[in-house]
Structures are given as C-alpha cells and as structure tokens.
Amino acid sequence: MHSKLLFSKKEAAQALSVSLRFLDGLIGRKELRTRRLGRRVLIEGRELDRFARTDHVFPKEQMDTERVPFIPMNGASELPQDEEREGTEG
C-alpha cells in the first residue's frame, strides 16, 4: 500500500511501471479514476493499489482493431474505399 494520499500522473506512472502515455490511456478509458485539484490531475494511492492488484487482459480482437492499416510506400492502397471510388468515376 502507498503511504502518499495523492500522486501526480508522472508519479503514478512510475509507481505502476508504465509510461505516461499508457497511463493517459487508462485514464481516458476510465480504467483509472482521478481527482482534480484545480488544474492538476491526481490519482489516489488506494486507486493505484486497486488497479495494480487487478488483472488486465486485453482481448485479441481489441488489440487488432487498434492497429493502423498498412499502406504500401508506392502510394497504392488495398483499402476497400479506394476500389469503390474507382468504380464511381467517369
């Protein structure tokens, strides 16, 4: 258990051994609750403990949908939208 009451985002990321960007994602997806003190975003120590003691498994389908599609360097695209546009021209 943490002895501090409130952690900054940087301190919380260090405590969880994750990057600040990953922590921002957790906050954005509401997997990690925050407190506001003026303009500061703070995370309670007990919230960090709660999060750290819970398993977090991401389904394979969720991970696959977050990837950016591959676009070849020659400018050609294999995306379906491009095929539809070709048929509607001229």
PDB file of N, CA and C in Angstrom:
ATOM      1  N   MET A   1       0.851  -1.180   0.000  1.00  0.00           N
ATOM      2  CA  MET A   1       0.000   0.000   0.000  1.00  0.00           C
ATOM      3  C   MET A   1       0.895   1.241   0.000  1.00  0.00           C
ATOM      4  N   HIS A   2       0.448   2.263  -0.697  1.00  0.00           N
ATOM      5  CA  HIS A   2       1.216   3.502  -0.782  1.00  0.00           C
ATOM      6  C   HIS A   2       0.954   4.372   0.439  1.00  0.00           C
ATOM      7  N   SER A   3       2.007   5.058   0.880  1.00  0.00           N
ATOM      8  CA  SER A   3       1.858   5.927   2.045  1.00  0.00           C
ATOM      9  C   SER A   3       1.326   7.313   1.655  1.00  0.00           C
ATOM     10  N   LYS A   4       1.548   7.726   0.389  1.00  0.00           N
ATOM     11  CA  LYS A   4       1.037   9.020  -0.055  1.00  0.00           C
ATOM     12  C   LYS A   4      -0.443   8.930  -0.345  1.00  0.00           C
ATOM     13  N   LEU A   5      -1.124  10.034  -0.161  1.00  0.00           N
ATOM     14  CA  LEU A   5      -2.546  10.101  -0.495  1.00  0.00           C
ATOM     15  C   LEU A   5      -2.774  10.315  -1.987  1.00  0.00           C
ATOM     16  N   LEU A   6      -2.069  11.287  -2.568  1.00  0.00           N
ATOM     17  CA  LEU A   6      -2.286  11.658  -3.961  1.00  0.00           C
ATOM     18  C   LEU A   6      -0.974  11.648  -4.736  1.00  0.00           C
ATOM     19  N   PHE A   7      -1.056  11.183  -5.990  1.00  0.00           N
ATOM     20  CA  PHE A   7       0.104  11.113  -6.869  1.00  0.00           C
ATOM     21  C   PHE A   7      -0.159  11.946  -8.114  1.00  0.00           C
ATOM     22  N   SER A   8       0.871  12.597  -8.614  1.00  0.00           N
ATOM     23  CA  SER A   8       0.759  13.244  -9.919  1.00  0.00           C
ATOM     24  C   SER A   8       0.724  12.143 -10.976  1.00  0.00           C
ATOM     25  N   LYS A   9       0.382  12.498 -12.212  1.00  0.00           N
ATOM     26  CA  LYS A   9       0.356  11.487 -13.266  1.00  0.00           C
ATOM     27  C   LYS A   9       1.733  10.883 -13.477  1.00  0.00           C
ATOM     28  N   LYS A  10       2.775  11.698 -13.412  1.00  0.00           N
ATOM     29  CA  LYS A  10       4.142  11.198 -13.589  1.00  0.00           C
ATOM     30  C   LYS A  10       4.507  10.227 -12.466  1.00  0.00           C
ATOM     31  N   GLU A  11       4.183  10.581 -11.237  1.00  0.00           N
ATOM     32  CA  GLU A  11       4.461   9.708 -10.091  1.00  0.00           C
ATOM     33  C   GLU A  11       3.667   8.405 -10.184  1.00  0.00           C
ATOM     34  N   ALA A  12       2.404   8.511 -10.623  1.00  0.00           N
ATOM     35  CA  ALA A  12       1.560   7.326 -10.748  1.00  0.00           C
ATOM     36  C   ALA A  12       2.103   6.389 -11.815  1.00  0.00           C
ATOM     37  N   ALA A  13       2.542   6.948 -12.934  1.00  0.00           N
ATOM     38  CA  ALA A  13       3.123   6.125 -13.998  1.00  0.00           C
ATOM     39  C   ALA A  13       4.361   5.396 -13.487  1.00  0.00           C
ATOM     40  N   GLN A  14       5.195   6.088 -12.745  1.00  0.00           N
ATOM     41  CA  GLN A  14       6.385   5.454 -12.181  1.00  0.00           C
ATOM     42  C   GLN A  14       6.007   4.367 -11.179  1.00  0.00           C
ATOM     43  N   ALA A  15       5.004   4.620 -10.355  1.00  0.00           N
ATOM     44  CA  ALA A  15       4.581   3.645  -9.350  1.00  0.00           C
ATOM     45  C   ALA A  15       4.035   2.376 -10.001  1.00  0.00           C
ATOM     46  N   LEU A  16       3.358   2.518 -11.152  1.00  0.00           N
ATOM     47  CA  LEU A  16       2.805   1.369 -11.857  1.00  0.00           C
ATOM     48  C   LEU A  16       3.777   0.767 -12.874  1.00  0.00           C
ATOM     49  N   SER A  17       4.926   1.393 -13.034  1.00  0.00           N
ATOM     50  CA  SER A  17       5.941   0.956 -14.015  1.00  0.00           C
ATOM     51  C   SER A  17       5.397   0.954 -15.432  1.00  0.00           C
ATOM     52  N   VAL A  18       4.684   2.019 -15.782  1.00  0.00           N
ATOM     53  CA  VAL A  18       4.151   2.192 -17.136  1.00  0.00           C
ATOM     54  C   VAL A  18       4.546   3.576 -17.635  1.00  0.00           C
ATOM     55  N   SER A  19       4.386   3.786 -18.933  1.00  0.00           N
ATOM     56  CA  SER A  19       4.700   5.100 -19.495  1.00  0.00           C
ATOM     57  C   SER A  19       3.578   6.088 -19.177  1.00  0.00           C
ATOM     58  N   LEU A  20       3.898   7.344 -19.286  1.00  0.00           N
ATOM     59  CA  LEU A  20       2.898   8.395 -19.059  1.00  0.00           C
ATOM     60  C   LEU A  20       1.797   8.298 -20.117  1.00  0.00           C
ATOM     61  N   ARG A  21       2.164   7.953 -21.332  1.00  0.00           N
ATOM     62  CA  ARG A  21       1.181   7.800 -22.410  1.00  0.00           C
ATOM     63  C   ARG A  21       0.205   6.650 -22.105  1.00  0.00           C
ATOM     64  N   PHE A  22       0.730   5.527 -21.598  1.00  0.00           N
ATOM     65  CA  PHE A  22      -0.119   4.396 -21.243  1.00  0.00           C
ATOM     66  C   PHE A  22      -1.055   4.799 -20.103  1.00  0.00           C
ATOM     67  N   LEU A  23      -0.531   5.527 -19.119  1.00  0.00           N
ATOM     68  CA  LEU A  23      -1.353   5.989 -18.002  1.00  0.00           C
ATOM     69  C   LEU A  23      -2.476   6.902 -18.503  1.00  0.00           C
ATOM     70  N   ASP A  24      -2.160   7.794 -19.439  1.00  0.00           N
ATOM     71  CA  ASP A  24      -3.190   8.664 -20.016  1.00  0.00           C
ATOM     72  C   ASP A  24      -4.281   7.844 -20.691  1.00  0.00           C
ATOM     73  N   GLY A  25      -3.893   6.743 -21.337  1.00  0.00           N
ATOM     74  CA  GLY A  25      -4.878   5.860 -21.956  1.00  0.00           C
ATOM     75  C   GLY A  25      -5.789   5.218 -20.923  1.00  0.00           C
ATOM     76  N   LEU A  26      -5.205   4.784 -19.804  1.00  0.00           N
ATOM     77  CA  LEU A  26      -6.003   4.188 -18.724  1.00  0.00           C
ATOM     78  C   LEU A  26      -6.995   5.199 -18.174  1.00  0.00           C
ATOM     79  N   ILE A  27      -6.549   6.419 -18.008  1.00  0.00           N
ATOM     80  CA  ILE A  27      -7.421   7.475 -17.501  1.00  0.00           C
ATOM     81  C   ILE A  27      -8.512   7.781 -18.529  1.00  0.00           C
ATOM     82  N   GLY A  28      -8.146   7.867 -19.795  1.00  0.00           N
ATOM     83  CA  GLY A  28      -9.114   8.156 -20.858  1.00  0.00           C
ATOM     84  C   GLY A  28     -10.188   7.088 -20.987  1.00  0.00           C
ATOM     85  N   ARG A  29      -9.797   5.807 -20.769  1.00  0.00           N
ATOM     86  CA  ARG A  29     -10.760   4.709 -20.842  1.00  0.00           C
ATOM     87  C   ARG A  29     -11.473   4.481 -19.507  1.00  0.00           C
ATOM     88  N   LYS A  30     -11.212   5.355 -18.557  1.00  0.00           N
ATOM     89  CA  LYS A  30     -11.823   5.300 -17.220  1.00  0.00           C
ATOM     90  C   LYS A  30     -11.499   4.002 -16.482  1.00  0.00           C
ATOM     91  N   GLU A  31     -10.326   3.435 -16.764  1.00  0.00           N
ATOM     92  CA  GLU A  31      -9.857   2.264 -16.035  1.00  0.00           C
ATOM     93  C   GLU A  31      -9.123   2.688 -14.764  1.00  0.00           C
ATOM     94  N   LEU A  32      -8.760   3.948 -14.699  1.00  0.00           N
ATOM     95  CA  LEU A  32      -8.077   4.508 -13.545  1.00  0.00           C
ATOM     96  C   LEU A  32      -8.769   5.826 -13.203  1.00  0.00           C
ATOM     97  N   ARG A  33      -9.338   5.899 -12.014  1.00  0.00           N
ATOM     98  CA  ARG A  33     -10.074   7.105 -11.605  1.00  0.00           C
ATOM     99  C   ARG A  33      -9.097   8.175 -11.119  1.00  0.00           C
ATOM    100  N   THR A  34      -9.466   9.410 -11.352  1.00  0.00           N
ATOM    101  CA  THR A  34      -8.617  10.540 -10.971  1.00  0.00           C
ATOM    102  C   THR A  34      -9.390  11.517 -10.091  1.00  0.00           C
ATOM    103  N   ARG A  35      -8.640  12.415  -9.497  1.00  0.00           N
ATOM    104  CA  ARG A  35      -9.192  13.541  -8.728  1.00  0.00           C
ATOM    105  C   ARG A  35      -8.626  14.811  -9.334  1.00  0.00           C
ATOM    106  N   ARG A  36      -9.396  15.875  -9.269  1.00  0.00           N
ATOM    107  CA  ARG A  36      -8.926  17.175  -9.760  1.00  0.00           C
ATOM    108  C   ARG A  36      -8.678  18.086  -8.567  1.00  0.00           C
ATOM    109  N   LEU A  37      -7.559  18.763  -8.627  1.00  0.00           N
ATOM    110  CA  LEU A  37      -7.240  19.789  -7.641  1.00  0.00           C
ATOM    111  C   LEU A  37      -6.824  21.010  -8.453  1.00  0.00           C
ATOM    112  N   GLY A  38      -7.799  21.880  -8.695  1.00  0.00           N
ATOM    113  CA  GLY A  38      -7.560  22.984  -9.613  1.00  0.00           C
ATOM    114  C   GLY A  38      -7.380  22.414 -11.010  1.00  0.00           C
ATOM    115  N   ARG A  39      -6.260  22.714 -11.638  1.00  0.00           N
ATOM    116  CA  ARG A  39      -5.978  22.191 -12.976  1.00  0.00           C
ATOM    117  C   ARG A  39      -5.202  20.885 -12.926  1.00  0.00           C
ATOM    118  N   ARG A  40      -4.770  20.492 -11.744  1.00  0.00           N
ATOM    119  CA  ARG A  40      -3.967  19.281 -11.615  1.00  0.00           C
ATOM    120  C   ARG A  40      -4.834  18.033 -11.629  1.00  0.00           C
ATOM    121  N   VAL A  41      -4.337  17.003 -12.298  1.00  0.00           N
ATOM    122  CA  VAL A  41      -4.982  15.693 -12.298  1.00  0.00           C
ATOM    123  C   VAL A  41      -4.169  14.811 -11.367  1.00  0.00           C
ATOM    124  N   LEU A  42      -4.826  14.289 -10.331  1.00  0.00           N
ATOM    125  CA  LEU A  42      -4.143  13.479  -9.326  1.00  0.00           C
ATOM    126  C   LEU A  42      -4.815  12.120  -9.194  1.00  0.00           C
ATOM    127  N   ILE A  43      -4.026  11.125  -8.789  1.00  0.00           N
ATOM    128  CA  ILE A  43      -4.544   9.768  -8.604  1.00  0.00           C
ATOM    129  C   ILE A  43      -4.300   9.376  -7.157  1.00  0.00           C
ATOM    130  N   GLU A  44      -5.340   8.864  -6.518  1.00  0.00           N
ATOM    131  CA  GLU A  44      -5.210   8.440  -5.124  1.00  0.00           C
ATOM    132  C   GLU A  44      -4.328   7.196  -5.031  1.00  0.00           C
ATOM    133  N   GLY A  45      -3.565   7.095  -3.947  1.00  0.00           N
ATOM    134  CA  GLY A  45      -2.726   5.933  -3.719  1.00  0.00           C
ATOM    135  C   GLY A  45      -3.520   4.648  -3.667  1.00  0.00           C
ATOM    136  N   ARG A  46      -4.697   4.683  -3.042  1.00  0.00           N
ATOM    137  CA  ARG A  46      -5.509   3.468  -2.966  1.00  0.00           C
ATOM    138  C   ARG A  46      -6.066   3.076  -4.332  1.00  0.00           C
ATOM    139  N   GLU A  47      -6.249   4.049  -5.236  1.00  0.00           N
ATOM    140  CA  GLU A  47      -6.681   3.747  -6.600  1.00  0.00           C
ATOM    141  C   GLU A  47      -5.561   3.032  -7.361  1.00  0.00           C
ATOM    142  N   LEU A  48      -4.326   3.457  -7.132  1.00  0.00           N
ATOM    143  CA  LEU A  48      -3.181   2.770  -7.740  1.00  0.00           C
ATOM    144  C   LEU A  48      -3.079   1.344  -7.219  1.00  0.00           C
ATOM    145  N   ASP A  49      -3.282   1.169  -5.924  1.00  0.00           N
ATOM    146  CA  ASP A  49      -3.255  -0.174  -5.328  1.00  0.00           C
ATOM    147  C   ASP A  49      -4.354  -1.055  -5.922  1.00  0.00           C
ATOM    148  N   ARG A  50      -5.569  -0.505  -6.033  1.00  0.00           N
ATOM    149  CA  ARG A  50      -6.682  -1.255  -6.604  1.00  0.00           C
ATOM    150  C   ARG A  50      -6.366  -1.702  -8.023  1.00  0.00           C
ATOM    151  N   PHE A  51      -5.846  -0.772  -8.816  1.00  0.00           N
ATOM    152  CA  PHE A  51      -5.534  -1.085 -10.207  1.00  0.00           C
ATOM    153  C   PHE A  51      -4.423  -2.129 -10.297  1.00  0.00           C
ATOM    154  N   ALA A  52      -3.387  -1.982  -9.486  1.00  0.00           N
ATOM    155  CA  ALA A  52      -2.240  -2.885  -9.540  1.00  0.00           C
ATOM    156  C   ALA A  52      -2.605  -4.302  -9.104  1.00  0.00           C
ATOM    157  N   ARG A  53      -3.606  -4.453  -8.264  1.00  0.00           N
ATOM    158  CA  ARG A  53      -3.987  -5.771  -7.760  1.00  0.00           C
ATOM    159  C   ARG A  53      -5.022  -6.480  -8.636  1.00  0.00           C
ATOM    160  N   THR A  54      -5.389  -5.864  -9.747  1.00  0.00           N
ATOM    161  CA  THR A  54      -6.383  -6.428 -10.657  1.00  0.00           C
ATOM    162  C   THR A  54      -5.699  -6.861 -11.943  1.00  0.00           C
ATOM    163  N   ASP A  55      -6.105  -8.020 -12.485  1.00  0.00           N
ATOM    164  CA  ASP A  55      -5.585  -8.454 -13.784  1.00  0.00           C
ATOM    165  C   ASP A  55      -6.221  -7.626 -14.885  1.00  0.00           C
ATOM    166  N   HIS A  56      -5.429  -7.307 -15.901  1.00  0.00           N
ATOM    167  CA  HIS A  56      -5.907  -6.522 -17.036  1.00  0.00           C
ATOM    168  C   HIS A  56      -5.511  -7.257 -18.306  1.00  0.00           C
ATOM    169  N   VAL A  57      -6.473  -7.971 -18.878  1.00  0.00           N
ATOM    170  CA  VAL A  57      -6.223  -8.740 -20.089  1.00  0.00           C
ATOM    171  C   VAL A  57      -6.986  -8.080 -21.222  1.00  0.00           C
ATOM    172  N   PHE A  58      -6.278  -7.770 -22.297  1.00  0.00           N
ATOM    173  CA  PHE A  58      -6.908  -7.147 -23.453  1.00  0.00           C
ATOM    174  C   PHE A  58      -7.244  -8.231 -24.460  1.00  0.00           C
ATOM    175  N   PRO A  59      -8.503  -8.333 -24.895  1.00  0.00           N
ATOM    176  CA  PRO A  59      -8.873  -9.338 -25.899  1.00  0.00           C
ATOM    177  C   PRO A  59      -8.099  -9.121 -27.194  1.00  0.00           C
ATOM    178  N   LYS A  60      -7.755 -10.206 -27.880  1.00  0.00           N
ATOM    179  CA  LYS A  60      -7.002 -10.115 -29.125  1.00  0.00           C
ATOM    180  C   LYS A  60      -7.743  -9.258 -30.156  1.00  0.00           C
ATOM    181  N   GLU A  61      -9.070  -9.386 -30.219  1.00  0.00           N
ATOM    182  CA  GLU A  61      -9.843  -8.607 -31.178  1.00  0.00           C
ATOM    183  C   GLU A  61      -9.676  -7.109 -30.939  1.00  0.00           C
ATOM    184  N   GLN A  62      -9.651  -6.700 -29.683  1.00  0.00           N
ATOM    185  CA  GLN A  62      -9.499  -5.283 -29.347  1.00  0.00           C
ATOM    186  C   GLN A  62      -8.124  -4.795 -29.780  1.00  0.00           C
ATOM    187  N   MET A  63      -7.102  -5.597 -29.571  1.00  0.00           N
ATOM    188  CA  MET A  63      -5.747  -5.202 -29.930  1.00  0.00           C
ATOM    189  C   MET A  63      -5.601  -5.090 -31.440  1.00  0.00           C
ATOM    190  N   ASP A  64      -6.230  -6.002 -32.210  1.00  0.00           N
ATOM    191  CA  ASP A  64      -6.132  -5.975 -33.662  1.00  0.00           C
ATOM    192  C   ASP A  64      -6.822  -4.761 -34.260  1.00  0.00           C
ATOM    193  N   THR A  65      -7.935  -4.324 -33.686  1.00  0.00           N
ATOM    194  CA  THR A  65      -8.666  -3.199 -34.253  1.00  0.00           C
ATOM    195  C   THR A  65      -7.970  -1.871 -34.007  1.00  0.00           C
ATOM    196  N   GLU A  66      -7.048  -1.829 -33.071  1.00  0.00           N
ATOM    197  CA  GLU A  66      -6.369  -0.574 -32.765  1.00  0.00           C
ATOM    198  C   GLU A  66      -5.144  -0.349 -33.648  1.00  0.00           C
ATOM    199  N   ARG A  67      -4.787  -1.328 -34.468  1.00  0.00           N
ATOM    200  CA  ARG A  67      -3.623  -1.186 -35.324  1.00  0.00           C
ATOM    201  C   ARG A  67      -3.957  -0.346 -36.547  1.00  0.00           C
ATOM    202  N   VAL A  68      -2.971   0.369 -37.032  1.00  0.00           N
ATOM    203  CA  VAL A  68      -3.132   1.208 -38.215  1.00  0.00           C
ATOM    204  C   VAL A  68      -2.948   0.320 -39.443  1.00  0.00           C
ATOM    205  N   PRO A  69      -3.803   0.443 -40.466  1.00  0.00           N
ATOM    206  CA  PRO A  69      -3.647  -0.401 -41.659  1.00  0.00           C
ATOM    207  C   PRO A  69      -2.343  -0.100 -42.382  1.00  0.00           C
ATOM    208  N   PHE A  70      -1.772  -1.129 -42.996  1.00  0.00           N
ATOM    209  CA  PHE A  70      -0.537  -0.989 -43.757  1.00  0.00           C
ATOM    210  C   PHE A  70      -0.854  -0.349 -45.098  1.00  0.00           C
ATOM    211  N   ILE A  71      -0.111   0.679 -45.463  1.00  0.00           N
ATOM    212  CA  ILE A  71      -0.252   1.316 -46.763  1.00  0.00           C
ATOM    213  C   ILE A  71       1.107   1.243 -47.441  1.00  0.00           C
ATOM    214  N   PRO A  72       1.206   0.591 -48.607  1.00  0.00           N
ATOM    215  CA  PRO A  72       2.500   0.434 -49.288  1.00  0.00           C
ATOM    216  C   PRO A  72       3.115   1.786 -49.620  1.00  0.00           C
ATOM    217  N   MET A  73       4.445   1.800 -49.715  1.00  0.00           N
ATOM    218  CA  MET A  73       5.183   3.037 -49.971  1.00  0.00           C
ATOM    219  C   MET A  73       4.939   3.590 -51.371  1.00  0.00           C
ATOM    220  N   ASN A  74       4.501   2.766 -52.333  1.00  0.00           N
ATOM    221  CA  ASN A  74       4.301   3.257 -53.700  1.00  0.00           C
ATOM    222  C   ASN A  74       3.025   4.074 -53.860  1.00  0.00           C
ATOM    223  N   GLY A  75       2.289   4.237 -52.766  1.00  0.00           N
ATOM    224  CA  GLY A  75       1.085   5.051 -52.797  1.00  0.00           C
ATOM    225  C   GLY A  75      -0.177   4.266 -53.088  1.00  0.00           C
ATOM    226  N   ALA A  76      -0.033   3.029 -53.583  1.00  0.00           N
ATOM    227  CA  ALA A  76      -1.208   2.193 -53.839  1.00  0.00           C
ATOM    228  C   ALA A  76      -1.793   1.751 -52.515  1.00  0.00           C
ATOM    229  N   SER A  77      -3.078   1.623 -52.463  1.00  0.00           N
ATOM    230  CA  SER A  77      -3.741   1.211 -51.239  1.00  0.00           C
ATOM    231  C   SER A  77      -4.630   0.016 -51.522  1.00  0.00           C
ATOM    232  N   GLU A  78      -4.668  -0.907 -50.581  1.00  0.00           N
ATOM    233  CA  GLU A  78      -5.519  -2.074 -50.733  1.00  0.00           C
ATOM    234  C   GLU A  78      -6.796  -1.920 -49.920  1.00  0.00           C
ATOM    235  N   LEU A  79      -7.125  -0.721 -49.517  1.00  0.00           N
ATOM    236  CA  LEU A  79      -8.312  -0.485 -48.720  1.00  0.00           C
ATOM    237  C   LEU A  79      -9.550  -0.513 -49.607  1.00  0.00           C
ATOM    238  N   PRO A  80     -10.668  -1.080 -49.135  1.00  0.00           N
ATOM    239  CA  PRO A  80     -11.884  -1.192 -49.944  1.00  0.00           C
ATOM    240  C   PRO A  80     -12.427   0.142 -50.420  1.00  0.00           C
ATOM    241  N   GLN A  81     -12.223   1.220 -49.677  1.00  0.00           N
ATOM    242  CA  GLN A  81     -12.757   2.518 -50.065  1.00  0.00           C
ATOM    243  C   GLN A  81     -12.186   2.954 -51.417  1.00  0.00           C
ATOM    244  N   ASP A  82     -10.896   2.645 -51.673  1.00  0.00           N
ATOM    245  CA  ASP A  82     -10.272   3.049 -52.928  1.00  0.00           C
ATOM    246  C   ASP A  82     -10.884   2.309 -54.110  1.00  0.00           C
ATOM    247  N   GLU A  83     -11.238   1.019 -53.942  1.00  0.00           N
ATOM    248  CA  GLU A  83     -11.834   0.240 -55.011  1.00  0.00           C
ATOM    249  C   GLU A  83     -13.212   0.798 -55.371  1.00  0.00           C
ATOM    250  N   GLU A  84     -13.987   1.189 -54.354  1.00  0.00           N
ATOM    251  CA  GLU A  84     -15.314   1.736 -54.605  1.00  0.00           C
ATOM    252  C   GLU A  84     -15.237   3.044 -55.364  1.00  0.00           C
ATOM    253  N   ARG A  85     -14.253   3.868 -55.041  1.00  0.00           N
ATOM    254  CA  ARG A  85     -14.107   5.164 -55.722  1.00  0.00           C
ATOM    255  C   ARG A  85     -13.770   4.970 -57.200  1.00  0.00           C
ATOM    256  N   GLU A  86     -12.931   3.963 -57.506  1.00  0.00           N
ATOM    257  CA  GLU A  86     -12.554   3.726 -58.894  1.00  0.00           C
ATOM    258  C   GLU A  86     -13.776   3.399 -59.753  1.00  0.00           C
ATOM    259  N   GLY A  87     -14.720   2.634 -59.196  1.00  0.00           N
ATOM    260  CA  GLY A  87     -15.901   2.246 -59.954  1.00  0.00           C
ATOM    261  C   GLY A  87     -16.888   3.379 -60.166  1.00  0.00           C
ATOM    262  N   THR A  88     -16.823   4.419 -59.383  1.00  0.00           N
ATOM    263  CA  THR A  88     -17.800   5.509 -59.481  1.00  0.00           C
ATOM    264  C   THR A  88     -17.317   6.649 -60.369  1.00  0.00           C
ATOM    265  N   GLU A  89     -16.039   6.622 -60.764  1.00  0.00           N
ATOM    266  CA  GLU A  89     -15.523   7.705 -61.586  1.00  0.00           C
ATOM    267  C   GLU A  89     -15.925   7.526 -63.039  1.00  0.00           C
ATOM    268  N   GLY A  90     -16.061   8.633 -63.750  1.00  0.00           N
ATOM    269  CA  GLY A  90     -16.212   8.739 -65.170  1.00  0.00           C
ATOM    270  C   GLY A  90     -17.265   8.044 -65.803  1.00  0.00           C
TER     271      GLY A  90
END
